[in-house]
Amino acid sequence: MSTILDGVVLGLHLATAHFGGHDLNAVNPGVYVRHESGATAGTFRNSYRRQSAYAGWTFETPGRGLALTVGAITGYPAAKVMPMVAPSARLPLSSSGALRLAYIPKPLKSGTASGLHLSVEWSL
């Protein structure tokens, strides 16, 4: 018997190691949800100590080891809504849990830093 949660991944945003910039927030608590269809949405406290919300689509390789999330994000000083592109790798911890390491590129023309972002996620 299937439920509404079949094919759903729930994640917790944890922290970001920044490359460039100064006085950026490294602790980025938040949550996200991703459906097996690729639909993705989340929120977190960003590097500028503002709340960000995002929505987009995640494309995963077979076996889910690598992914690319594209969409739109809010909460940054450069614009109310900005494009978002984040490649990531899944590092399994158990049959349902994993760490996810995402590369956050420096935004063109408006960014000061890129970063490696760490999350933990569970398949429901």
PDB file of N, CA and C in Angstrom:
ATOM      1  N   MET A   1       0.844  -1.179   0.000  1.00  0.00           N
ATOM      2  CA  MET A   1       0.000   0.000   0.000  1.00  0.00           C
ATOM      3  C   MET A   1       0.890   1.244   0.000  1.00  0.00           C
ATOM      4  N   SER A   2       0.726   2.106  -0.969  1.00  0.00           N
ATOM      5  CA  SER A   2       1.555   3.304  -1.030  1.00  0.00           C
ATOM      6  C   SER A   2       0.894   4.449  -0.261  1.00  0.00           C
ATOM      7  N   THR A   3       1.740   5.381   0.170  1.00  0.00           N
ATOM      8  CA  THR A   3       1.254   6.558   0.876  1.00  0.00           C
ATOM      9  C   THR A   3       1.733   7.807   0.154  1.00  0.00           C
ATOM     10  N   ILE A   4       1.274   8.943   0.608  1.00  0.00           N
ATOM     11  CA  ILE A   4       1.669  10.218   0.009  1.00  0.00           C
ATOM     12  C   ILE A   4       3.157  10.484   0.200  1.00  0.00           C
ATOM     13  N   LEU A   5       3.799   9.833   1.179  1.00  0.00           N
ATOM     14  CA  LEU A   5       5.213  10.060   1.445  1.00  0.00           C
ATOM     15  C   LEU A   5       6.145   9.156   0.653  1.00  0.00           C
ATOM     16  N   ASP A   6       5.599   8.178  -0.065  1.00  0.00           N
ATOM     17  CA  ASP A   6       6.452   7.331  -0.906  1.00  0.00           C
ATOM     18  C   ASP A   6       7.155   8.202  -1.943  1.00  0.00           C
ATOM     19  N   GLY A   7       8.459   7.990  -2.101  1.00  0.00           N
ATOM     20  CA  GLY A   7       9.215   8.761  -3.081  1.00  0.00           C
ATOM     21  C   GLY A   7       9.603  10.146  -2.628  1.00  0.00           C
ATOM     22  N   VAL A   8       9.450  10.441  -1.331  1.00  0.00           N
ATOM     23  CA  VAL A   8       9.780  11.760  -0.796  1.00  0.00           C
ATOM     24  C   VAL A   8      11.079  11.682   0.001  1.00  0.00           C
ATOM     25  N   VAL A   9      11.929  12.672  -0.177  1.00  0.00           N
ATOM     26  CA  VAL A   9      13.151  12.821   0.612  1.00  0.00           C
ATOM     27  C   VAL A   9      12.986  14.067   1.466  1.00  0.00           C
ATOM     28  N   LEU A  10      13.251  13.934   2.761  1.00  0.00           N
ATOM     29  CA  LEU A  10      13.224  15.058   3.700  1.00  0.00           C
ATOM     30  C   LEU A  10      14.651  15.351   4.117  1.00  0.00           C
ATOM     31  N   GLY A  11      15.064  16.615   4.049  1.00  0.00           N
ATOM     32  CA  GLY A  11      16.438  16.975   4.374  1.00  0.00           C
ATOM     33  C   GLY A  11      16.528  18.120   5.357  1.00  0.00           C
ATOM     34  N   LEU A  12      17.665  18.167   6.044  1.00  0.00           N
ATOM     35  CA  LEU A  12      17.984  19.264   6.956  1.00  0.00           C
ATOM     36  C   LEU A  12      19.247  19.956   6.471  1.00  0.00           C
ATOM     37  N   HIS A  13      19.164  21.258   6.226  1.00  0.00           N
ATOM     38  CA  HIS A  13      20.343  22.052   5.894  1.00  0.00           C
ATOM     39  C   HIS A  13      21.141  22.254   7.178  1.00  0.00           C
ATOM     40  N   LEU A  14      22.473  22.145   7.098  1.00  0.00           N
ATOM     41  CA  LEU A  14      23.302  22.249   8.291  1.00  0.00           C
ATOM     42  C   LEU A  14      24.297  23.408   8.244  1.00  0.00           C
ATOM     43  N   ALA A  15      25.262  23.370   7.332  1.00  0.00           N
ATOM     44  CA  ALA A  15      26.358  24.338   7.381  1.00  0.00           C
ATOM     45  C   ALA A  15      26.984  24.522   6.006  1.00  0.00           C
ATOM     46  N   THR A  16      27.713  25.657   5.848  1.00  0.00           N
ATOM     47  CA  THR A  16      28.407  25.969   4.614  1.00  0.00           C
ATOM     48  C   THR A  16      29.824  26.430   4.905  1.00  0.00           C
ATOM     49  N   ALA A  17      30.790  25.859   4.199  1.00  0.00           N
ATOM     50  CA  ALA A  17      32.173  26.339   4.223  1.00  0.00           C
ATOM     51  C   ALA A  17      32.328  27.274   3.025  1.00  0.00           C
ATOM     52  N   HIS A  18      32.646  28.541   3.293  1.00  0.00           N
ATOM     53  CA  HIS A  18      32.716  29.556   2.243  1.00  0.00           C
ATOM     54  C   HIS A  18      34.129  29.716   1.698  1.00  0.00           C
ATOM     55  N   PHE A  19      34.209  30.062   0.406  1.00  0.00           N
ATOM     56  CA  PHE A  19      35.472  30.361  -0.250  1.00  0.00           C
ATOM     57  C   PHE A  19      35.359  31.766  -0.808  1.00  0.00           C
ATOM     58  N   GLY A  20      35.951  32.722  -0.108  1.00  0.00           N
ATOM     59  CA  GLY A  20      35.834  34.127  -0.461  1.00  0.00           C
ATOM     60  C   GLY A  20      34.853  34.807   0.475  1.00  0.00           C
ATOM     61  N   GLY A  21      34.694  36.103   0.297  1.00  0.00           N
ATOM     62  CA  GLY A  21      33.787  36.860   1.159  1.00  0.00           C
ATOM     63  C   GLY A  21      34.344  37.001   2.568  1.00  0.00           C
ATOM     64  N   HIS A  22      33.610  37.675   3.421  1.00  0.00           N
ATOM     65  CA  HIS A  22      34.017  37.834   4.817  1.00  0.00           C
ATOM     66  C   HIS A  22      32.780  37.977   5.686  1.00  0.00           C
ATOM     67  N   ASP A  23      32.891  37.589   6.923  1.00  0.00           N
ATOM     68  CA  ASP A  23      31.807  37.680   7.907  1.00  0.00           C
ATOM     69  C   ASP A  23      30.521  36.984   7.435  1.00  0.00           C
ATOM     70  N   LEU A  24      30.693  35.847   6.765  1.00  0.00           N
ATOM     71  CA  LEU A  24      29.531  35.098   6.286  1.00  0.00           C
ATOM     72  C   LEU A  24      29.134  34.041   7.318  1.00  0.00           C
ATOM     73  N   ASN A  25      27.848  33.828   7.443  1.00  0.00           N
ATOM     74  CA  ASN A  25      27.296  32.864   8.388  1.00  0.00           C
ATOM     75  C   ASN A  25      27.529  31.433   7.888  1.00  0.00           C
ATOM     76  N   ALA A  26      28.212  30.623   8.686  1.00  0.00           N
ATOM     77  CA  ALA A  26      28.506  29.243   8.285  1.00  0.00           C
ATOM     78  C   ALA A  26      27.439  28.257   8.748  1.00  0.00           C
ATOM     79  N   VAL A  27      26.619  28.647   9.706  1.00  0.00           N
ATOM     80  CA  VAL A  27      25.568  27.767  10.231  1.00  0.00           C
ATOM     81  C   VAL A  27      24.268  28.135   9.528  1.00  0.00           C
ATOM     82  N   ASN A  28      23.729  27.187   8.759  1.00  0.00           N
ATOM     83  CA  ASN A  28      22.587  27.472   7.890  1.00  0.00           C
ATOM     84  C   ASN A  28      21.432  26.507   8.128  1.00  0.00           C
ATOM     85  N   PRO A  29      20.809  26.550   9.305  1.00  0.00           N
ATOM     86  CA  PRO A  29      19.734  25.592   9.571  1.00  0.00           C
ATOM     87  C   PRO A  29      18.529  25.815   8.657  1.00  0.00           C
ATOM     88  N   GLY A  30      17.934  24.697   8.267  1.00  0.00           N
ATOM     89  CA  GLY A  30      16.752  24.769   7.429  1.00  0.00           C
ATOM     90  C   GLY A  30      16.266  23.377   7.061  1.00  0.00           C
ATOM     91  N   VAL A  31      15.234  23.328   6.245  1.00  0.00           N
ATOM     92  CA  VAL A  31      14.637  22.060   5.821  1.00  0.00           C
ATOM     93  C   VAL A  31      14.379  22.093   4.320  1.00  0.00           C
ATOM     94  N   TYR A  32      14.299  20.903   3.728  1.00  0.00           N
ATOM     95  CA  TYR A  32      13.894  20.802   2.329  1.00  0.00           C
ATOM     96  C   TYR A  32      13.164  19.497   2.111  1.00  0.00           C
ATOM     97  N   VAL A  33      12.420  19.476   1.028  1.00  0.00           N
ATOM     98  CA  VAL A  33      11.700  18.278   0.618  1.00  0.00           C
ATOM     99  C   VAL A  33      11.899  18.116  -0.885  1.00  0.00           C
ATOM    100  N   ARG A  34      12.097  16.866  -1.298  1.00  0.00           N
ATOM    101  CA  ARG A  34      12.278  16.562  -2.721  1.00  0.00           C
ATOM    102  C   ARG A  34      11.433  15.345  -3.049  1.00  0.00           C
ATOM    103  N   HIS A  35      10.660  15.443  -4.096  1.00  0.00           N
ATOM    104  CA  HIS A  35       9.815  14.340  -4.540  1.00  0.00           C
ATOM    105  C   HIS A  35      10.568  13.562  -5.614  1.00  0.00           C
ATOM    106  N   GLU A  36      10.259  12.288  -5.760  1.00  0.00           N
ATOM    107  CA  GLU A  36      10.939  11.466  -6.776  1.00  0.00           C
ATOM    108  C   GLU A  36      10.759  12.024  -8.185  1.00  0.00           C
ATOM    109  N   SER A  37       9.744  12.843  -8.401  1.00  0.00           N
ATOM    110  CA  SER A  37       9.547  13.493  -9.701  1.00  0.00           C
ATOM    111  C   SER A  37      10.621  14.538  -9.979  1.00  0.00           C
ATOM    112  N   GLY A  38      11.308  15.001  -8.913  1.00  0.00           N
ATOM    113  CA  GLY A  38      12.327  16.042  -9.034  1.00  0.00           C
ATOM    114  C   GLY A  38      11.915  17.356  -8.404  1.00  0.00           C
ATOM    115  N   ALA A  39      10.621  17.556  -8.169  1.00  0.00           N
ATOM    116  CA  ALA A  39      10.161  18.799  -7.543  1.00  0.00           C
ATOM    117  C   ALA A  39      10.839  18.962  -6.181  1.00  0.00           C
ATOM    118  N   THR A  40      11.418  20.148  -5.946  1.00  0.00           N
ATOM    119  CA  THR A  40      12.225  20.409  -4.761  1.00  0.00           C
ATOM    120  C   THR A  40      11.863  21.774  -4.184  1.00  0.00           C
ATOM    121  N   ALA A  41      11.765  21.873  -2.858  1.00  0.00           N
ATOM    122  CA  ALA A  41      11.512  23.152  -2.194  1.00  0.00           C
ATOM    123  C   ALA A  41      12.139  23.128  -0.811  1.00  0.00           C
ATOM    124  N   GLY A  42      12.554  24.302  -0.341  1.00  0.00           N
ATOM    125  CA  GLY A  42      13.142  24.365   0.991  1.00  0.00           C
ATOM    126  C   GLY A  42      13.301  25.786   1.489  1.00  0.00           C
ATOM    127  N   THR A  43      13.813  25.877   2.709  1.00  0.00           N
ATOM    128  CA  THR A  43      14.092  27.157   3.341  1.00  0.00           C
ATOM    129  C   THR A  43      15.267  26.977   4.298  1.00  0.00           C
ATOM    130  N   PHE A  44      16.053  28.034   4.485  1.00  0.00           N
ATOM    131  CA  PHE A  44      17.191  27.988   5.408  1.00  0.00           C
ATOM    132  C   PHE A  44      17.645  29.400   5.748  1.00  0.00           C
ATOM    133  N   ARG A  45      18.442  29.516   6.796  1.00  0.00           N
ATOM    134  CA  ARG A  45      19.057  30.800   7.160  1.00  0.00           C
ATOM    135  C   ARG A  45      20.336  30.903   6.328  1.00  0.00           C
ATOM    136  N   ASN A  46      20.412  31.911   5.471  1.00  0.00           N
ATOM    137  CA  ASN A  46      21.508  31.961   4.515  1.00  0.00           C
ATOM    138  C   ASN A  46      22.783  32.593   5.088  1.00  0.00           C
ATOM    139  N   SER A  47      23.779  32.704   4.255  1.00  0.00           N
ATOM    140  CA  SER A  47      25.088  33.198   4.666  1.00  0.00           C
ATOM    141  C   SER A  47      25.078  34.667   5.068  1.00  0.00           C
ATOM    142  N   TYR A  48      24.036  35.405   4.683  1.00  0.00           N
ATOM    143  CA  TYR A  48      23.892  36.814   5.061  1.00  0.00           C
ATOM    144  C   TYR A  48      22.964  36.985   6.257  1.00  0.00           C
ATOM    145  N   ARG A  49      22.679  35.884   6.935  1.00  0.00           N
ATOM    146  CA  ARG A  49      21.822  35.848   8.127  1.00  0.00           C
ATOM    147  C   ARG A  49      20.389  36.293   7.814  1.00  0.00           C
ATOM    148  N   ARG A  50      19.937  35.945   6.617  1.00  0.00           N
ATOM    149  CA  ARG A  50      18.564  36.204   6.173  1.00  0.00           C
ATOM    150  C   ARG A  50      17.899  34.863   5.879  1.00  0.00           C
ATOM    151  N   GLN A  51      16.585  34.840   5.929  1.00  0.00           N
ATOM    152  CA  GLN A  51      15.862  33.620   5.597  1.00  0.00           C
ATOM    153  C   GLN A  51      15.731  33.520   4.079  1.00  0.00           C
ATOM    154  N   SER A  52      16.067  32.379   3.531  1.00  0.00           N
ATOM    155  CA  SER A  52      15.915  32.118   2.102  1.00  0.00           C
ATOM    156  C   SER A  52      14.872  31.034   1.897  1.00  0.00           C
ATOM    157  N   ALA A  53      14.146  31.136   0.811  1.00  0.00           N
ATOM    158  CA  ALA A  53      13.222  30.081   0.377  1.00  0.00           C
ATOM    159  C   ALA A  53      13.555  29.791  -1.075  1.00  0.00           C
ATOM    160  N   TYR A  54      13.415  28.525  -1.467  1.00  0.00           N
ATOM    161  CA  TYR A  54      13.719  28.175  -2.843  1.00  0.00           C
ATOM    162  C   TYR A  54      12.772  27.096  -3.350  1.00  0.00           C
ATOM    163  N   ALA A  55      12.647  27.041  -4.651  1.00  0.00           N
ATOM    164  CA  ALA A  55      11.856  25.998  -5.310  1.00  0.00           C
ATOM    165  C   ALA A  55      12.513  25.727  -6.653  1.00  0.00           C
ATOM    166  N   GLY A  56      12.434  24.489  -7.070  1.00  0.00           N
ATOM    167  CA  GLY A  56      13.043  24.146  -8.345  1.00  0.00           C
ATOM    168  C   GLY A  56      12.880  22.684  -8.668  1.00  0.00           C
ATOM    169  N   TRP A  57      13.821  22.188  -9.437  1.00  0.00           N
ATOM    170  CA  TRP A  57      13.788  20.827  -9.920  1.00  0.00           C
ATOM    171  C   TRP A  57      15.155  20.203  -9.705  1.00  0.00           C
ATOM    172  N   THR A  58      15.164  18.965  -9.229  1.00  0.00           N
ATOM    173  CA  THR A  58      16.417  18.233  -9.037  1.00  0.00           C
ATOM    174  C   THR A  58      16.483  17.078 -10.029  1.00  0.00           C
ATOM    175  N   PHE A  59      17.581  17.024 -10.758  1.00  0.00           N
ATOM    176  CA  PHE A  59      17.849  15.956 -11.709  1.00  0.00           C
ATOM    177  C   PHE A  59      18.919  15.064 -11.084  1.00  0.00           C
ATOM    178  N   GLU A  60      18.626  13.760 -10.937  1.00  0.00           N
ATOM    179  CA  GLU A  60      19.559  12.838 -10.306  1.00  0.00           C
ATOM    180  C   GLU A  60      20.037  11.781 -11.300  1.00  0.00           C
ATOM    181  N   THR A  61      21.275  11.330 -11.115  1.00  0.00           N
ATOM    182  CA  THR A  61      21.796  10.224 -11.910  1.00  0.00           C
ATOM    183  C   THR A  61      21.148   8.930 -11.439  1.00  0.00           C
ATOM    184  N   PRO A  62      21.159   7.899 -12.256  1.00  0.00           N
ATOM    185  CA  PRO A  62      20.685   6.592 -11.785  1.00  0.00           C
ATOM    186  C   PRO A  62      21.499   6.190 -10.546  1.00  0.00           C
ATOM    187  N   GLY A  63      20.840   5.674  -9.544  1.00  0.00           N
ATOM    188  CA  GLY A  63      21.503   5.349  -8.296  1.00  0.00           C
ATOM    189  C   GLY A  63      21.567   6.529  -7.341  1.00  0.00           C
ATOM    190  N   ARG A  64      21.163   7.717  -7.796  1.00  0.00           N
ATOM    191  CA  ARG A  64      21.051   8.927  -6.970  1.00  0.00           C
ATOM    192  C   ARG A  64      22.358   9.426  -6.378  1.00  0.00           C
ATOM    193  N   GLY A  65      23.501   9.041  -6.909  1.00  0.00           N
ATOM    194  CA  GLY A  65      24.777   9.481  -6.352  1.00  0.00           C
ATOM    195  C   GLY A  65      25.087  10.946  -6.611  1.00  0.00           C
ATOM    196  N   LEU A  66      24.707  11.442  -7.790  1.00  0.00           N
ATOM    197  CA  LEU A  66      24.948  12.835  -8.160  1.00  0.00           C
ATOM    198  C   LEU A  66      23.630  13.486  -8.540  1.00  0.00           C
ATOM    199  N   ALA A  67      23.549  14.790  -8.299  1.00  0.00           N
ATOM    200  CA  ALA A  67      22.317  15.516  -8.622  1.00  0.00           C
ATOM    201  C   ALA A  67      22.640  16.948  -9.020  1.00  0.00           C
ATOM    202  N   LEU A  68      21.719  17.563  -9.719  1.00  0.00           N
ATOM    203  CA  LEU A  68      21.797  18.979 -10.069  1.00  0.00           C
ATOM    204  C   LEU A  68      20.432  19.585  -9.774  1.00  0.00           C
ATOM    205  N   THR A  69      20.412  20.581  -8.891  1.00  0.00           N
ATOM    206  CA  THR A  69      19.171  21.287  -8.573  1.00  0.00           C
ATOM    207  C   THR A  69      19.212  22.662  -9.218  1.00  0.00           C
ATOM    208  N   VAL A  70      18.163  22.992  -9.966  1.00  0.00           N
ATOM    209  CA  VAL A  70      18.027  24.299 -10.612  1.00  0.00           C
ATOM    210  C   VAL A  70      16.682  24.885 -10.202  1.00  0.00           C
ATOM    211  N   GLY A  71      16.660  26.196 -10.031  1.00  0.00           N
ATOM    212  CA  GLY A  71      15.413  26.833  -9.634  1.00  0.00           C
ATOM    213  C   GLY A  71      15.623  28.292  -9.326  1.00  0.00           C
ATOM    214  N   ALA A  72      14.854  28.791  -8.369  1.00  0.00           N
ATOM    215  CA  ALA A  72      14.909  30.190  -7.956  1.00  0.00           C
ATOM    216  C   ALA A  72      14.989  30.250  -6.431  1.00  0.00           C
ATOM    217  N   ILE A  73      15.673  31.289  -5.928  1.00  0.00           N
ATOM    218  CA  ILE A  73      15.888  31.438  -4.490  1.00  0.00           C
ATOM    219  C   ILE A  73      15.716  32.893  -4.077  1.00  0.00           C
ATOM    220  N   THR A  74      15.241  33.103  -2.862  1.00  0.00           N
ATOM    221  CA  THR A  74      15.050  34.453  -2.311  1.00  0.00           C
ATOM    222  C   THR A  74      16.021  34.665  -1.151  1.00  0.00           C
ATOM    223  N   GLY A  75      16.052  35.910  -0.638  1.00  0.00           N
ATOM    224  CA  GLY A  75      16.768  36.194   0.596  1.00  0.00           C
ATOM    225  C   GLY A  75      18.169  36.758   0.455  1.00  0.00           C
ATOM    226  N   TYR A  76      18.599  37.067  -0.750  1.00  0.00           N
ATOM    227  CA  TYR A  76      19.951  37.586  -0.941  1.00  0.00           C
ATOM    228  C   TYR A  76      19.908  39.062  -1.331  1.00  0.00           C
ATOM    229  N   PRO A  77      20.953  39.837  -0.951  1.00  0.00           N
ATOM    230  CA  PRO A  77      20.913  41.284  -1.186  1.00  0.00           C
ATOM    231  C   PRO A  77      20.928  41.699  -2.653  1.00  0.00           C
ATOM    232  N   ALA A  78      21.428  40.850  -3.558  1.00  0.00           N
ATOM    233  CA  ALA A  78      21.563  41.242  -4.964  1.00  0.00           C
ATOM    234  C   ALA A  78      20.223  41.379  -5.680  1.00  0.00           C
ATOM    235  N   ALA A  79      19.226  40.569  -5.294  1.00  0.00           N
ATOM    236  CA  ALA A  79      17.921  40.608  -5.951  1.00  0.00           C
ATOM    237  C   ALA A  79      16.891  39.900  -5.086  1.00  0.00           C
ATOM    238  N   LYS A  80      15.628  40.268  -5.248  1.00  0.00           N
ATOM    239  CA  LYS A  80      14.568  39.612  -4.477  1.00  0.00           C
ATOM    240  C   LYS A  80      14.466  38.136  -4.806  1.00  0.00           C
ATOM    241  N   VAL A  81      14.616  37.808  -6.099  1.00  0.00           N
ATOM    242  CA  VAL A  81      14.603  36.415  -6.547  1.00  0.00           C
ATOM    243  C   VAL A  81      15.783  36.240  -7.495  1.00  0.00           C
ATOM    244  N   MET A  82      16.566  35.189  -7.248  1.00  0.00           N
ATOM    245  CA  MET A  82      17.746  34.917  -8.068  1.00  0.00           C
ATOM    246  C   MET A  82      17.689  33.493  -8.613  1.00  0.00           C
ATOM    247  N   PRO A  83      18.349  33.242  -9.745  1.00  0.00           N
ATOM    248  CA  PRO A  83      18.445  31.863 -10.219  1.00  0.00           C
ATOM    249  C   PRO A  83      19.331  31.050  -9.282  1.00  0.00           C
ATOM    250  N   MET A  84      19.076  29.754  -9.210  1.00  0.00           N
ATOM    251  CA  MET A  84      19.844  28.875  -8.341  1.00  0.00           C
ATOM    252  C   MET A  84      20.275  27.650  -9.149  1.00  0.00           C
ATOM    253  N   VAL A  85      21.557  27.301  -9.031  1.00  0.00           N
ATOM    254  CA  VAL A  85      22.110  26.097  -9.637  1.00  0.00           C
ATOM    255  C   VAL A  85      23.034  25.476  -8.598  1.00  0.00           C
ATOM    256  N   ALA A  86      22.778  24.219  -8.234  1.00  0.00           N
ATOM    257  CA  ALA A  86      23.574  23.577  -7.194  1.00  0.00           C
ATOM    258  C   ALA A  86      23.817  22.105  -7.518  1.00  0.00           C
ATOM    259  N   PRO A  87      25.019  21.761  -7.980  1.00  0.00           N
ATOM    260  CA  PRO A  87      25.354  20.345  -8.127  1.00  0.00           C
ATOM    261  C   PRO A  87      25.656  19.746  -6.757  1.00  0.00           C
ATOM    262  N   SER A  88      25.359  18.459  -6.580  1.00  0.00           N
ATOM    263  CA  SER A  88      25.596  17.840  -5.285  1.00  0.00           C
ATOM    264  C   SER A  88      25.917  16.356  -5.421  1.00  0.00           C
ATOM    265  N   ALA A  89      26.490  15.821  -4.340  1.00  0.00           N
ATOM    266  CA  ALA A  89      26.809  14.396  -4.263  1.00  0.00           C
ATOM    267  C   ALA A  89      26.168  13.833  -3.006  1.00  0.00           C
ATOM    268  N   ARG A  90      25.625  12.635  -3.121  1.00  0.00           N
ATOM    269  CA  ARG A  90      24.985  11.938  -2.001  1.00  0.00           C
ATOM    270  C   ARG A  90      25.975  10.935  -1.427  1.00  0.00           C
ATOM    271  N   LEU A  91      26.168  10.989  -0.104  1.00  0.00           N
ATOM    272  CA  LEU A  91      27.071  10.090   0.598  1.00  0.00           C
ATOM    273  C   LEU A  91      26.238   9.240   1.548  1.00  0.00           C
ATOM    274  N   PRO A  92      25.917   7.991   1.165  1.00  0.00           N
ATOM    275  CA  PRO A  92      25.006   7.160   1.966  1.00  0.00           C
ATOM    276  C   PRO A  92      25.522   6.903   3.381  1.00  0.00           C
ATOM    277  N   LEU A  93      24.597   6.937   4.337  1.00  0.00           N
ATOM    278  CA  LEU A  93      24.881   6.590   5.730  1.00  0.00           C
ATOM    279  C   LEU A  93      24.196   5.290   6.124  1.00  0.00           C
ATOM    280  N   SER A  94      23.020   5.051   5.540  1.00  0.00           N
ATOM    281  CA  SER A  94      22.223   3.855   5.824  1.00  0.00           C
ATOM    282  C   SER A  94      21.335   3.604   4.616  1.00  0.00           C
ATOM    283  N   SER A  95      20.417   2.657   4.724  1.00  0.00           N
ATOM    284  CA  SER A  95      19.526   2.371   3.598  1.00  0.00           C
ATOM    285  C   SER A  95      18.604   3.543   3.280  1.00  0.00           C
ATOM    286  N   SER A  96      18.298   4.389   4.260  1.00  0.00           N
ATOM    287  CA  SER A  96      17.399   5.516   4.004  1.00  0.00           C
ATOM    288  C   SER A  96      18.033   6.879   4.269  1.00  0.00           C
ATOM    289  N   GLY A  97      19.183   6.922   4.933  1.00  0.00           N
ATOM    290  CA  GLY A  97      19.805   8.201   5.280  1.00  0.00           C
ATOM    291  C   GLY A  97      21.084   8.469   4.514  1.00  0.00           C
ATOM    292  N   ALA A  98      21.385   9.755   4.319  1.00  0.00           N
ATOM    293  CA  ALA A  98      22.596  10.133   3.592  1.00  0.00           C
ATOM    294  C   ALA A  98      23.005  11.553   3.950  1.00  0.00           C
ATOM    295  N   LEU A  99      24.282  11.829   3.782  1.00  0.00           N
ATOM    296  CA  LEU A  99      24.763  13.203   3.776  1.00  0.00           C
ATOM    297  C   LEU A  99      24.703  13.683   2.338  1.00  0.00           C
ATOM    298  N   ARG A 100      24.481  14.976   2.141  1.00  0.00           N
ATOM    299  CA  ARG A 100      24.521  15.543   0.790  1.00  0.00           C
ATOM    300  C   ARG A 100      25.463  16.732   0.836  1.00  0.00           C
ATOM    301  N   LEU A 101      26.453  16.720  -0.050  1.00  0.00           N
ATOM    302  CA  LEU A 101      27.423  17.801  -0.155  1.00  0.00           C
ATOM    303  C   LEU A 101      27.161  18.529  -1.472  1.00  0.00           C
ATOM    304  N   ALA A 102      26.787  19.803  -1.361  1.00  0.00           N
ATOM    305  CA  ALA A 102      26.431  20.597  -2.539  1.00  0.00           C
ATOM    306  C   ALA A 102      27.458  21.697  -2.753  1.00  0.00           C
ATOM    307  N   TYR A 103      27.756  21.982  -4.005  1.00  0.00           N
ATOM    308  CA  TYR A 103      28.605  23.107  -4.357  1.00  0.00           C
ATOM    309  C   TYR A 103      27.700  24.281  -4.705  1.00  0.00           C
ATOM    310  N   ILE A 104      27.915  25.394  -4.026  1.00  0.00           N
ATOM    311  CA  ILE A 104      27.128  26.606  -4.275  1.00  0.00           C
ATOM    312  C   ILE A 104      28.045  27.595  -4.994  1.00  0.00           C
ATOM    313  N   PRO A 105      27.861  27.788  -6.296  1.00  0.00           N
ATOM    314  CA  PRO A 105      28.751  28.696  -7.028  1.00  0.00           C
ATOM    315  C   PRO A 105      28.516  30.155  -6.645  1.00  0.00           C
ATOM    316  N   LYS A 106      29.551  30.952  -6.797  1.00  0.00           N
ATOM    317  CA  LYS A 106      29.438  32.397  -6.554  1.00  0.00           C
ATOM    318  C   LYS A 106      28.537  32.987  -7.627  1.00  0.00           C
ATOM    319  N   PRO A 107      27.497  33.730  -7.233  1.00  0.00           N
ATOM    320  CA  PRO A 107      26.621  34.353  -8.238  1.00  0.00           C
ATOM    321  C   PRO A 107      27.402  35.314  -9.131  1.00  0.00           C
ATOM    322  N   LEU A 108      27.127  35.265 -10.426  1.00  0.00           N
ATOM    323  CA  LEU A 108      27.782  36.164 -11.366  1.00  0.00           C
ATOM    324  C   LEU A 108      27.459  37.615 -11.046  1.00  0.00           C
ATOM    325  N   LYS A 109      28.435  38.465 -11.099  1.00  0.00           N
ATOM    326  CA  LYS A 109      28.330  39.917 -10.944  1.00  0.00           C
ATOM    327  C   LYS A 109      27.937  40.376  -9.542  1.00  0.00           C
ATOM    328  N   SER A 110      27.280  39.528  -8.726  1.00  0.00           N
ATOM    329  CA  SER A 110      26.786  40.029  -7.444  1.00  0.00           C
ATOM    330  C   SER A 110      27.299  39.243  -6.254  1.00  0.00           C
ATOM    331  N   GLY A 111      27.999  38.165  -6.488  1.00  0.00           N
ATOM    332  CA  GLY A 111      28.401  37.311  -5.379  1.00  0.00           C
ATOM    333  C   GLY A 111      29.775  37.628  -4.834  1.00  0.00           C
ATOM    334  N   THR A 112      29.999  37.258  -3.587  1.00  0.00           N
ATOM    335  CA  THR A 112      31.298  37.451  -2.962  1.00  0.00           C
ATOM    336  C   THR A 112      31.970  36.125  -2.637  1.00  0.00           C
ATOM    337  N   ALA A 113      31.217  35.031  -2.625  1.00  0.00           N
ATOM    338  CA  ALA A 113      31.796  33.751  -2.216  1.00  0.00           C
ATOM    339  C   ALA A 113      31.058  32.584  -2.853  1.00  0.00           C
ATOM    340  N   SER A 114      31.785  31.482  -2.979  1.00  0.00           N
ATOM    341  CA  SER A 114      31.173  30.203  -3.308  1.00  0.00           C
ATOM    342  C   SER A 114      31.248  29.367  -2.032  1.00  0.00           C
ATOM    343  N   GLY A 115      30.682  28.168  -2.063  1.00  0.00           N
ATOM    344  CA  GLY A 115      30.730  27.378  -0.839  1.00  0.00           C
ATOM    345  C   GLY A 115      30.417  25.912  -1.045  1.00  0.00           C
ATOM    346  N   LEU A 116      30.783  25.125  -0.054  1.00  0.00           N
ATOM    347  CA  LEU A 116      30.383  23.722   0.039  1.00  0.00           C
ATOM    348  C   LEU A 116      29.382  23.627   1.168  1.00  0.00           C
ATOM    349  N   HIS A 117      28.207  23.120   0.844  1.00  0.00           N
ATOM    350  CA  HIS A 117      27.103  23.084   1.807  1.00  0.00           C
ATOM    351  C   HIS A 117      26.803  21.640   2.197  1.00  0.00           C
ATOM    352  N   LEU A 118      26.629  21.412   3.485  1.00  0.00           N
ATOM    353  CA  LEU A 118      26.362  20.076   4.009  1.00  0.00           C
ATOM    354  C   LEU A 118      24.921  19.973   4.494  1.00  0.00           C
ATOM    355  N   SER A 119      24.258  18.892   4.082  1.00  0.00           N
ATOM    356  CA  SER A 119      22.903  18.572   4.526  1.00  0.00           C
ATOM    357  C   SER A 119      22.850  17.104   4.902  1.00  0.00           C
ATOM    358  N   VAL A 120      21.814  16.736   5.638  1.00  0.00           N
ATOM    359  CA  VAL A 120      21.537  15.327   5.916  1.00  0.00           C
ATOM    360  C   VAL A 120      20.111  15.077   5.454  1.00  0.00           C
ATOM    361  N   GLU A 121      19.863  13.898   4.847  1.00  0.00           N
ATOM    362  CA  GLU A 121      18.533  13.635   4.306  1.00  0.00           C
ATOM    363  C   GLU A 121      18.126  12.186   4.513  1.00  0.00           C
ATOM    364  N   TRP A 122      16.806  11.986   4.490  1.00  0.00           N
ATOM    365  CA  TRP A 122      16.219  10.654   4.679  1.00  0.00           C
ATOM    366  C   TRP A 122      15.152  10.420   3.626  1.00  0.00           C
ATOM    367  N   SER A 123      15.155   9.230   3.054  1.00  0.00           N
ATOM    368  CA  SER A 123      14.077   8.809   2.170  1.00  0.00           C
ATOM    369  C   SER A 123      12.930   8.322   3.036  1.00  0.00           C
ATOM    370  N   LEU A 124      11.742   8.838   2.808  1.00  0.00           N
ATOM    371  CA  LEU A 124      10.582   8.455   3.628  1.00  0.00           C
ATOM    372  C   LEU A 124       9.853   7.276   3.016  1.00  0.00           C
TER     373      LEU A 124
END
